[in-house]
């Protein structure tokens, strides 16, 4: 029996049980993220005017995202604004790391304008501060915006040091409790993940620690909260690691190469 349109509408409305699920929040977060990026980097963008617009957008995000009274949202903007010069200083160091590390980088402008790995780092650093302040949902939506554009999924809860180089970015996953120290280089497809995703591990360190000056090549997988990659180490491509690696190590898969003979051709 065909239902009447009014009955269908009523049935759908009854199933829409979450009053806080507003997709407008996702759209506004993306608008906020893009404007914040331009404000920090675009030489033709007026900082003073944009900061006023960003504040208005931020207040709208607070009204939509902070439906729990105990969340400290209302006073966040001033604290966040004070952090922006320091965040920008870190990002400029990241951009220099790209120029210094990648022979294909012809200029610093090229890094800012076209490198997906750099864009992913920018949005990570901007969302990470909001994450630390305890603002709900918005940091994760910011990181998802970067994920969609860059192909890299960096949880805003990760702790990443200075001069971070993320080459190509595509397929890279960096989990919430990951710690990455200074001058680390990571290539595409790397996973810094957890050994288990059980819900009761929410407040436990589940993801690896990567110490200073480590290089991790493409498609390596490093898992576990107790796993540490020691300083000055190199992790080869396609390597699977679930135990700690000492400092100054080279961790790689061993590839066997055989010379063809007339017997095995």
C-alpha atoms as a PDB file:
ATOM      1  CA  UNK A   1       0.000   0.000   0.000  1.00  0.00           C
ATOM      2  CA  UNK A   2       1.377   3.393  -1.011  1.00  0.00           C
ATOM      3  CA  UNK A   3       1.820   5.817   1.889  1.00  0.00           C
ATOM      4  CA  UNK A   4       0.618   9.371   1.732  1.00  0.00           C
ATOM      5  CA  UNK A   5       3.305  12.046   1.471  1.00  0.00           C
ATOM      6  CA  UNK A   6       2.260  13.510   4.821  1.00  0.00           C
ATOM      7  CA  UNK A   7       2.750  10.139   6.522  1.00  0.00           C
ATOM      8  CA  UNK A   8       6.198   9.751   4.953  1.00  0.00           C
ATOM      9  CA  UNK A   9       7.214  13.216   6.144  1.00  0.00           C
ATOM     10  CA  UNK A  10       5.988  12.432   9.656  1.00  0.00           C
ATOM     11  CA  UNK A  11       7.849   9.098   9.703  1.00  0.00           C
ATOM     12  CA  UNK A  12      11.116  10.756   8.592  1.00  0.00           C
ATOM     13  CA  UNK A  13      10.765  13.533  11.157  1.00  0.00           C
ATOM     14  CA  UNK A  14      10.226  10.971  13.924  1.00  0.00           C
ATOM     15  CA  UNK A  15      13.522   9.274  12.998  1.00  0.00           C
ATOM     16  CA  UNK A  16      15.484  12.534  13.075  1.00  0.00           C
ATOM     17  CA  UNK A  17      16.147  12.156  16.775  1.00  0.00           C
ATOM     18  CA  UNK A  18      19.362  14.179  17.178  1.00  0.00           C
ATOM     19  CA  UNK A  19      18.561  17.892  17.537  1.00  0.00           C
ATOM     20  CA  UNK A  20      22.281  18.810  17.523  1.00  0.00           C
ATOM     21  CA  UNK A  21      23.061  17.232  14.146  1.00  0.00           C
ATOM     22  CA  UNK A  22      23.327  20.313  11.947  1.00  0.00           C
ATOM     23  CA  UNK A  23      25.153  19.924   8.642  1.00  0.00           C
ATOM     24  CA  UNK A  24      25.403  23.689   8.489  1.00  0.00           C
ATOM     25  CA  UNK A  25      28.137  23.271  11.112  1.00  0.00           C
ATOM     26  CA  UNK A  26      30.206  21.285   8.610  1.00  0.00           C
ATOM     27  CA  UNK A  27      29.729  23.923   5.904  1.00  0.00           C
ATOM     28  CA  UNK A  28      30.589  26.807   8.234  1.00  0.00           C
ATOM     29  CA  UNK A  29      33.657  24.997   9.562  1.00  0.00           C
ATOM     30  CA  UNK A  30      34.936  24.573   6.030  1.00  0.00           C
ATOM     31  CA  UNK A  31      34.320  28.270   5.341  1.00  0.00           C
ATOM     32  CA  UNK A  32      36.138  29.191   8.559  1.00  0.00           C
ATOM     33  CA  UNK A  33      39.071  26.892   7.699  1.00  0.00           C
ATOM     34  CA  UNK A  34      39.566  28.277   4.197  1.00  0.00           C
ATOM     35  CA  UNK A  35      39.354  31.896   5.343  1.00  0.00           C
ATOM     36  CA  UNK A  36      41.793  31.246   8.183  1.00  0.00           C
ATOM     37  CA  UNK A  37      44.280  29.724   5.719  1.00  0.00           C
ATOM     38  CA  UNK A  38      44.070  32.778   3.434  1.00  0.00           C
ATOM     39  CA  UNK A  39      44.351  35.185   6.344  1.00  0.00           C
ATOM     40  CA  UNK A  40      47.609  33.621   7.482  1.00  0.00           C
ATOM     41  CA  UNK A  41      49.281  33.214   4.095  1.00  0.00           C
ATOM     42  CA  UNK A  42      47.748  35.265   1.282  1.00  0.00           C
ATOM     43  CA  UNK A  43      49.672  38.522   0.781  1.00  0.00           C
ATOM     44  CA  UNK A  44      46.584  40.190  -0.721  1.00  0.00           C
ATOM     45  CA  UNK A  45      44.291  39.338   2.193  1.00  0.00           C
ATOM     46  CA  UNK A  46      43.729  42.039   4.820  1.00  0.00           C
ATOM     47  CA  UNK A  47      44.402  40.506   8.217  1.00  0.00           C
ATOM     48  CA  UNK A  48      42.435  43.022  10.280  1.00  0.00           C
ATOM     49  CA  UNK A  49      39.227  42.718   8.254  1.00  0.00           C
ATOM     50  CA  UNK A  50      39.413  38.957   8.044  1.00  0.00           C
ATOM     51  CA  UNK A  51      39.940  38.529  11.761  1.00  0.00           C
ATOM     52  CA  UNK A  52      36.599  40.252  12.361  1.00  0.00           C
ATOM     53  CA  UNK A  53      34.897  37.932   9.880  1.00  0.00           C
ATOM     54  CA  UNK A  54      36.612  34.928  11.428  1.00  0.00           C
ATOM     55  CA  UNK A  55      35.431  35.942  14.884  1.00  0.00           C
ATOM     56  CA  UNK A  56      31.828  36.121  13.647  1.00  0.00           C
ATOM     57  CA  UNK A  57      32.146  32.717  12.003  1.00  0.00           C
ATOM     58  CA  UNK A  58      33.742  31.288  15.123  1.00  0.00           C
ATOM     59  CA  UNK A  59      30.876  32.526  17.304  1.00  0.00           C
ATOM     60  CA  UNK A  60      28.469  30.774  14.956  1.00  0.00           C
ATOM     61  CA  UNK A  61      30.469  27.559  15.241  1.00  0.00           C
ATOM     62  CA  UNK A  62      30.399  27.842  19.025  1.00  0.00           C
ATOM     63  CA  UNK A  63      26.610  28.229  19.033  1.00  0.00           C
ATOM     64  CA  UNK A  64      26.203  25.106  16.893  1.00  0.00           C
ATOM     65  CA  UNK A  65      28.909  22.868  18.333  1.00  0.00           C
ATOM     66  CA  UNK A  66      28.916  23.642  22.049  1.00  0.00           C
ATOM     67  CA  UNK A  67      25.522  22.299  23.040  1.00  0.00           C
ATOM     68  CA  UNK A  68      26.960  20.829  26.261  1.00  0.00           C
ATOM     69  CA  UNK A  69      26.979  23.583  28.933  1.00  0.00           C
ATOM     70  CA  UNK A  70      30.166  22.301  30.588  1.00  0.00           C
ATOM     71  CA  UNK A  71      32.229  22.784  27.412  1.00  0.00           C
ATOM     72  CA  UNK A  72      34.417  25.942  27.719  1.00  0.00           C
ATOM     73  CA  UNK A  73      33.551  27.436  24.345  1.00  0.00           C
ATOM     74  CA  UNK A  74      32.486  31.028  24.850  1.00  0.00           C
ATOM     75  CA  UNK A  75      35.912  32.421  25.730  1.00  0.00           C
ATOM     76  CA  UNK A  76      37.918  30.435  23.211  1.00  0.00           C
ATOM     77  CA  UNK A  77      38.298  32.990  20.424  1.00  0.00           C
ATOM     78  CA  UNK A  78      40.554  35.407  22.315  1.00  0.00           C
ATOM     79  CA  UNK A  79      42.796  32.553  23.495  1.00  0.00           C
ATOM     80  CA  UNK A  80      42.927  31.093  19.989  1.00  0.00           C
ATOM     81  CA  UNK A  81      43.677  34.481  18.439  1.00  0.00           C
ATOM     82  CA  UNK A  82      46.652  34.879  20.759  1.00  0.00           C
ATOM     83  CA  UNK A  83      48.016  31.542  19.521  1.00  0.00           C
ATOM     84  CA  UNK A  84      47.908  32.366  15.799  1.00  0.00           C
ATOM     85  CA  UNK A  85      51.321  34.140  15.536  1.00  0.00           C
ATOM     86  CA  UNK A  86      53.036  31.164  17.191  1.00  0.00           C
ATOM     87  CA  UNK A  87      51.175  28.695  14.947  1.00  0.00           C
ATOM     88  CA  UNK A  88      52.194  30.682  11.871  1.00  0.00           C
ATOM     89  CA  UNK A  89      55.824  30.667  12.999  1.00  0.00           C
ATOM     90  CA  UNK A  90      55.729  26.854  13.224  1.00  0.00           C
ATOM     91  CA  UNK A  91      54.088  26.595   9.819  1.00  0.00           C
ATOM     92  CA  UNK A  92      56.761  28.748   8.222  1.00  0.00           C
ATOM     93  CA  UNK A  93      59.349  26.320   9.625  1.00  0.00           C
ATOM     94  CA  UNK A  94      57.351  23.441   8.141  1.00  0.00           C
ATOM     95  CA  UNK A  95      57.322  25.157   4.740  1.00  0.00           C
ATOM     96  CA  UNK A  96      61.097  25.642   4.908  1.00  0.00           C
ATOM     97  CA  UNK A  97      61.456  21.928   5.700  1.00  0.00           C
ATOM     98  CA  UNK A  98      59.623  21.165   2.451  1.00  0.00           C
ATOM     99  CA  UNK A  99      61.933  23.401   0.433  1.00  0.00           C
ATOM    100  CA  UNK A 100      65.020  21.964   2.114  1.00  0.00           C
ATOM    101  CA  UNK A 101      63.877  18.329   1.769  1.00  0.00           C
ATOM    102  CA  UNK A 102      62.261  18.119  -1.651  1.00  0.00           C
ATOM    103  CA  UNK A 103      64.422  18.729  -4.748  1.00  0.00           C
ATOM    104  CA  UNK A 104      61.208  19.149  -6.754  1.00  0.00           C
ATOM    105  CA  UNK A 105      60.253  22.248  -4.724  1.00  0.00           C
ATOM    106  CA  UNK A 106      61.242  25.220  -6.859  1.00  0.00           C
ATOM    107  CA  UNK A 107      60.195  27.929  -4.412  1.00  0.00           C
ATOM    108  CA  UNK A 108      58.599  28.534  -1.039  1.00  0.00           C
ATOM    109  CA  UNK A 109      55.565  29.920  -2.852  1.00  0.00           C
ATOM    110  CA  UNK A 110      55.115  26.584  -4.616  1.00  0.00           C
ATOM    111  CA  UNK A 111      54.984  24.818  -1.264  1.00  0.00           C
ATOM    112  CA  UNK A 112      52.344  27.164   0.154  1.00  0.00           C
ATOM    113  CA  UNK A 113      50.180  27.094  -2.958  1.00  0.00           C
ATOM    114  CA  UNK A 114      50.373  23.548  -4.253  1.00  0.00           C
ATOM    115  CA  UNK A 115      51.723  21.007  -1.768  1.00  0.00           C
ATOM    116  CA  UNK A 116      48.940  18.847  -0.270  1.00  0.00           C
ATOM    117  CA  UNK A 117      51.229  17.684   2.525  1.00  0.00           C
ATOM    118  CA  UNK A 118      51.833  21.248   3.623  1.00  0.00           C
ATOM    119  CA  UNK A 119      48.110  22.034   3.496  1.00  0.00           C
ATOM    120  CA  UNK A 120      47.427  19.006   5.695  1.00  0.00           C
ATOM    121  CA  UNK A 121      49.986  20.229   8.233  1.00  0.00           C
ATOM    122  CA  UNK A 122      48.511  23.752   8.220  1.00  0.00           C
ATOM    123  CA  UNK A 123      45.026  22.530   9.035  1.00  0.00           C
ATOM    124  CA  UNK A 124      46.394  20.079  11.589  1.00  0.00           C
ATOM    125  CA  UNK A 125      48.206  22.843  13.488  1.00  0.00           C
ATOM    126  CA  UNK A 126      45.194  25.160  13.361  1.00  0.00           C
ATOM    127  CA  UNK A 127      42.786  22.443  14.527  1.00  0.00           C
ATOM    128  CA  UNK A 128      45.172  21.060  17.168  1.00  0.00           C
ATOM    129  CA  UNK A 129      44.974  24.214  19.288  1.00  0.00           C
ATOM    130  CA  UNK A 130      41.165  24.082  19.309  1.00  0.00           C
ATOM    131  CA  UNK A 131      41.413  20.411  20.238  1.00  0.00           C
ATOM    132  CA  UNK A 132      43.652  21.293  23.201  1.00  0.00           C
ATOM    133  CA  UNK A 133      41.188  23.963  24.300  1.00  0.00           C
ATOM    134  CA  UNK A 134      38.478  21.304  24.430  1.00  0.00           C
ATOM    135  CA  UNK A 135      36.238  22.634  21.680  1.00  0.00           C
ATOM    136  CA  UNK A 136      34.045  19.766  20.477  1.00  0.00           C
ATOM    137  CA  UNK A 137      33.591  18.579  16.896  1.00  0.00           C
ATOM    138  CA  UNK A 138      35.035  21.617  15.056  1.00  0.00           C
ATOM    139  CA  UNK A 139      38.702  20.451  15.160  1.00  0.00           C
ATOM    140  CA  UNK A 140      37.666  17.093  13.718  1.00  0.00           C
ATOM    141  CA  UNK A 141      35.639  18.781  10.979  1.00  0.00           C
ATOM    142  CA  UNK A 142      38.643  20.950  10.130  1.00  0.00           C
ATOM    143  CA  UNK A 143      40.851  17.881   9.826  1.00  0.00           C
ATOM    144  CA  UNK A 144      38.259  16.202   7.620  1.00  0.00           C
ATOM    145  CA  UNK A 145      38.317  19.242   5.338  1.00  0.00           C
ATOM    146  CA  UNK A 146      42.086  18.789   4.965  1.00  0.00           C
ATOM    147  CA  UNK A 147      41.653  15.028   4.535  1.00  0.00           C
ATOM    148  CA  UNK A 148      39.302  15.532   1.608  1.00  0.00           C
ATOM    149  CA  UNK A 149      41.649  18.000  -0.101  1.00  0.00           C
ATOM    150  CA  UNK A 150      45.064  16.476   0.680  1.00  0.00           C
ATOM    151  CA  UNK A 151      44.372  12.768   1.134  1.00  0.00           C
ATOM    152  CA  UNK A 152      46.064  12.814   4.554  1.00  0.00           C
ATOM    153  CA  UNK A 153      44.081  12.008   7.695  1.00  0.00           C
ATOM    154  CA  UNK A 154      45.786  13.677  10.663  1.00  0.00           C
ATOM    155  CA  UNK A 155      43.795  13.558  13.881  1.00  0.00           C
ATOM    156  CA  UNK A 156      43.867  16.977  15.587  1.00  0.00           C
ATOM    157  CA  UNK A 157      44.836  15.292  18.854  1.00  0.00           C
ATOM    158  CA  UNK A 158      48.232  14.156  17.546  1.00  0.00           C
ATOM    159  CA  UNK A 159      51.301  15.962  18.889  1.00  0.00           C
ATOM    160  CA  UNK A 160      53.664  17.031  16.097  1.00  0.00           C
ATOM    161  CA  UNK A 161      56.925  18.910  16.601  1.00  0.00           C
ATOM    162  CA  UNK A 162      58.627  21.525  14.460  1.00  0.00           C
ATOM    163  CA  UNK A 163      59.857  21.312  10.853  1.00  0.00           C
ATOM    164  CA  UNK A 164      57.566  18.459   9.839  1.00  0.00           C
ATOM    165  CA  UNK A 165      57.821  17.252   6.225  1.00  0.00           C
ATOM    166  CA  UNK A 166      54.871  15.250   4.839  1.00  0.00           C
ATOM    167  CA  UNK A 167      55.640  14.409   1.228  1.00  0.00           C
ATOM    168  CA  UNK A 168      52.755  13.774  -1.194  1.00  0.00           C
ATOM    169  CA  UNK A 169      50.387  13.171   1.772  1.00  0.00           C
ATOM    170  CA  UNK A 170      48.024  10.805  -0.042  1.00  0.00           C
ATOM    171  CA  UNK A 171      46.935   7.895   2.131  1.00  0.00           C
ATOM    172  CA  UNK A 172      48.807   9.016   5.247  1.00  0.00           C
ATOM    173  CA  UNK A 173      47.029   8.303   8.561  1.00  0.00           C
ATOM    174  CA  UNK A 174      48.230   9.770  11.870  1.00  0.00           C
ATOM    175  CA  UNK A 175      46.203   8.700  14.902  1.00  0.00           C
ATOM    176  CA  UNK A 176      44.975  10.774  17.826  1.00  0.00           C
ATOM    177  CA  UNK A 177      47.615   9.846  20.416  1.00  0.00           C
ATOM    178  CA  UNK A 178      50.590   9.843  18.035  1.00  0.00           C
ATOM    179  CA  UNK A 179      53.644  11.818  19.139  1.00  0.00           C
ATOM    180  CA  UNK A 180      55.976  13.067  16.396  1.00  0.00           C
ATOM    181  CA  UNK A 181      59.003  15.055  17.479  1.00  0.00           C
ATOM    182  CA  UNK A 182      61.160  17.518  15.492  1.00  0.00           C
ATOM    183  CA  UNK A 183      62.556  17.301  11.950  1.00  0.00           C
ATOM    184  CA  UNK A 184      60.607  14.173  10.987  1.00  0.00           C
ATOM    185  CA  UNK A 185      59.987  13.247   7.344  1.00  0.00           C
ATOM    186  CA  UNK A 186      57.053  11.047   6.349  1.00  0.00           C
ATOM    187  CA  UNK A 187      56.154   9.903   2.852  1.00  0.00           C
ATOM    188  CA  UNK A 188      52.818   8.928   1.333  1.00  0.00           C
ATOM    189  CA  UNK A 189      50.727   6.036   2.564  1.00  0.00           C
ATOM    190  CA  UNK A 190      52.291   5.819   6.038  1.00  0.00           C
ATOM    191  CA  UNK A 191      50.039   4.689   8.891  1.00  0.00           C
ATOM    192  CA  UNK A 192      50.797   5.614  12.497  1.00  0.00           C
ATOM    193  CA  UNK A 193      47.982   3.633  14.028  1.00  0.00           C
ATOM    194  CA  UNK A 194      46.681   1.573  16.932  1.00  0.00           C
ATOM    195  CA  UNK A 195      46.938  -2.160  17.519  1.00  0.00           C
ATOM    196  CA  UNK A 196      43.374  -2.188  18.815  1.00  0.00           C
ATOM    197  CA  UNK A 197      40.391   0.097  18.395  1.00  0.00           C
ATOM    198  CA  UNK A 198      38.409  -1.027  21.461  1.00  0.00           C
ATOM    199  CA  UNK A 199      36.292   1.804  22.870  1.00  0.00           C
ATOM    200  CA  UNK A 200      37.639   1.341  26.405  1.00  0.00           C
ATOM    201  CA  UNK A 201      41.055   2.507  25.130  1.00  0.00           C
ATOM    202  CA  UNK A 202      39.768   6.029  24.503  1.00  0.00           C
ATOM    203  CA  UNK A 203      41.993   7.705  27.108  1.00  0.00           C
ATOM    204  CA  UNK A 204      44.975   5.403  26.566  1.00  0.00           C
ATOM    205  CA  UNK A 205      47.979   6.134  24.330  1.00  0.00           C
ATOM    206  CA  UNK A 206      47.232   3.901  21.355  1.00  0.00           C
ATOM    207  CA  UNK A 207      49.529   5.262  18.654  1.00  0.00           C
ATOM    208  CA  UNK A 208      53.324   5.330  18.183  1.00  0.00           C
ATOM    209  CA  UNK A 209      55.969   7.837  19.168  1.00  0.00           C
ATOM    210  CA  UNK A 210      58.397   9.019  16.473  1.00  0.00           C
ATOM    211  CA  UNK A 211      61.504  10.730  17.808  1.00  0.00           C
ATOM    212  CA  UNK A 212      63.697  13.462  16.272  1.00  0.00           C
ATOM    213  CA  UNK A 213      65.138  13.253  12.740  1.00  0.00           C
ATOM    214  CA  UNK A 214      63.310  10.069  11.719  1.00  0.00           C
ATOM    215  CA  UNK A 215      62.512   9.314   8.068  1.00  0.00           C
ATOM    216  CA  UNK A 216      59.570   7.004   7.294  1.00  0.00           C
ATOM    217  CA  UNK A 217      59.223   5.926   3.674  1.00  0.00           C
ATOM    218  CA  UNK A 218      56.074   5.180   1.698  1.00  0.00           C
ATOM    219  CA  UNK A 219      53.415   2.744   2.917  1.00  0.00           C
ATOM    220  CA  UNK A 220      55.157   1.829   6.164  1.00  0.00           C
ATOM    221  CA  UNK A 221      52.778   0.795   8.955  1.00  0.00           C
ATOM    222  CA  UNK A 222      53.743   1.496  12.571  1.00  0.00           C
ATOM    223  CA  UNK A 223      51.287   0.437  15.261  1.00  0.00           C
ATOM    224  CA  UNK A 224      50.882   0.599  19.024  1.00  0.00           C
ATOM    225  CA  UNK A 225      51.043   3.095  21.850  1.00  0.00           C
ATOM    226  CA  UNK A 226      54.206   1.563  23.295  1.00  0.00           C
ATOM    227  CA  UNK A 227      55.997   1.530  19.947  1.00  0.00           C
ATOM    228  CA  UNK A 228      58.754   4.125  19.617  1.00  0.00           C
ATOM    229  CA  UNK A 229      60.891   4.825  16.561  1.00  0.00           C
ATOM    230  CA  UNK A 230      64.203   6.003  17.986  1.00  0.00           C
ATOM    231  CA  UNK A 231      65.879   9.231  16.919  1.00  0.00           C
ATOM    232  CA  UNK A 232      67.828   9.393  13.632  1.00  0.00           C
ATOM    233  CA  UNK A 233      66.298   6.138  12.377  1.00  0.00           C
ATOM    234  CA  UNK A 234      65.087   5.271   8.884  1.00  0.00           C
ATOM    235  CA  UNK A 235      61.991   3.133   8.296  1.00  0.00           C
ATOM    236  CA  UNK A 236      61.851   1.608   4.835  1.00  0.00           C
ATOM    237  CA  UNK A 237      58.836   1.460   2.560  1.00  0.00           C
ATOM    238  CA  UNK A 238      56.143  -1.191   3.164  1.00  0.00           C
ATOM    239  CA  UNK A 239      57.615  -2.037   6.563  1.00  0.00           C
ATOM    240  CA  UNK A 240      55.295  -3.395   9.273  1.00  0.00           C
ATOM    241  CA  UNK A 241      56.370  -2.424  12.808  1.00  0.00           C
ATOM    242  CA  UNK A 242      54.693  -3.225  16.138  1.00  0.00           C
ATOM    243  CA  UNK A 243      57.768  -3.096  18.396  1.00  0.00           C
ATOM    244  CA  UNK A 244      60.094  -0.241  19.242  1.00  0.00           C
ATOM    245  CA  UNK A 245      63.099   0.521  17.048  1.00  0.00           C
ATOM    246  CA  UNK A 246      66.322   1.782  18.725  1.00  0.00           C
ATOM    247  CA  UNK A 247      67.881   5.096  17.806  1.00  0.00           C
ATOM    248  CA  UNK A 248      70.120   5.205  14.705  1.00  0.00           C
ATOM    249  CA  UNK A 249      68.446   2.129  13.202  1.00  0.00           C
ATOM    250  CA  UNK A 250      67.408   1.131   9.693  1.00  0.00           C
ATOM    251  CA  UNK A 251      64.191  -0.899   9.648  1.00  0.00           C
ATOM    252  CA  UNK A 252      63.174  -2.427   6.342  1.00  0.00           C
ATOM    253  CA  UNK A 253      61.764  -5.433   4.565  1.00  0.00           C
ATOM    254  CA  UNK A 254      64.434  -7.654   3.101  1.00  0.00           C
ATOM    255  CA  UNK A 255      63.920  -8.143  -0.615  1.00  0.00           C
ATOM    256  CA  UNK A 256      65.566 -11.150  -2.211  1.00  0.00           C
ATOM    257  CA  UNK A 257      66.755 -10.683  -5.785  1.00  0.00           C
ATOM    258  CA  UNK A 258      67.442 -13.749  -7.911  1.00  0.00           C
ATOM    259  CA  UNK A 259      69.276 -13.766 -11.215  1.00  0.00           C
ATOM    260  CA  UNK A 260      67.372 -15.573 -13.965  1.00  0.00           C
ATOM    261  CA  UNK A 261      68.859 -18.754 -15.396  1.00  0.00           C
ATOM    262  CA  UNK A 262      67.815 -20.898 -18.307  1.00  0.00           C
ATOM    263  CA  UNK A 263      66.254 -23.300 -15.782  1.00  0.00           C
ATOM    264  CA  UNK A 264      63.774 -20.834 -14.282  1.00  0.00           C
ATOM    265  CA  UNK A 265      62.983 -18.691 -17.326  1.00  0.00           C
END
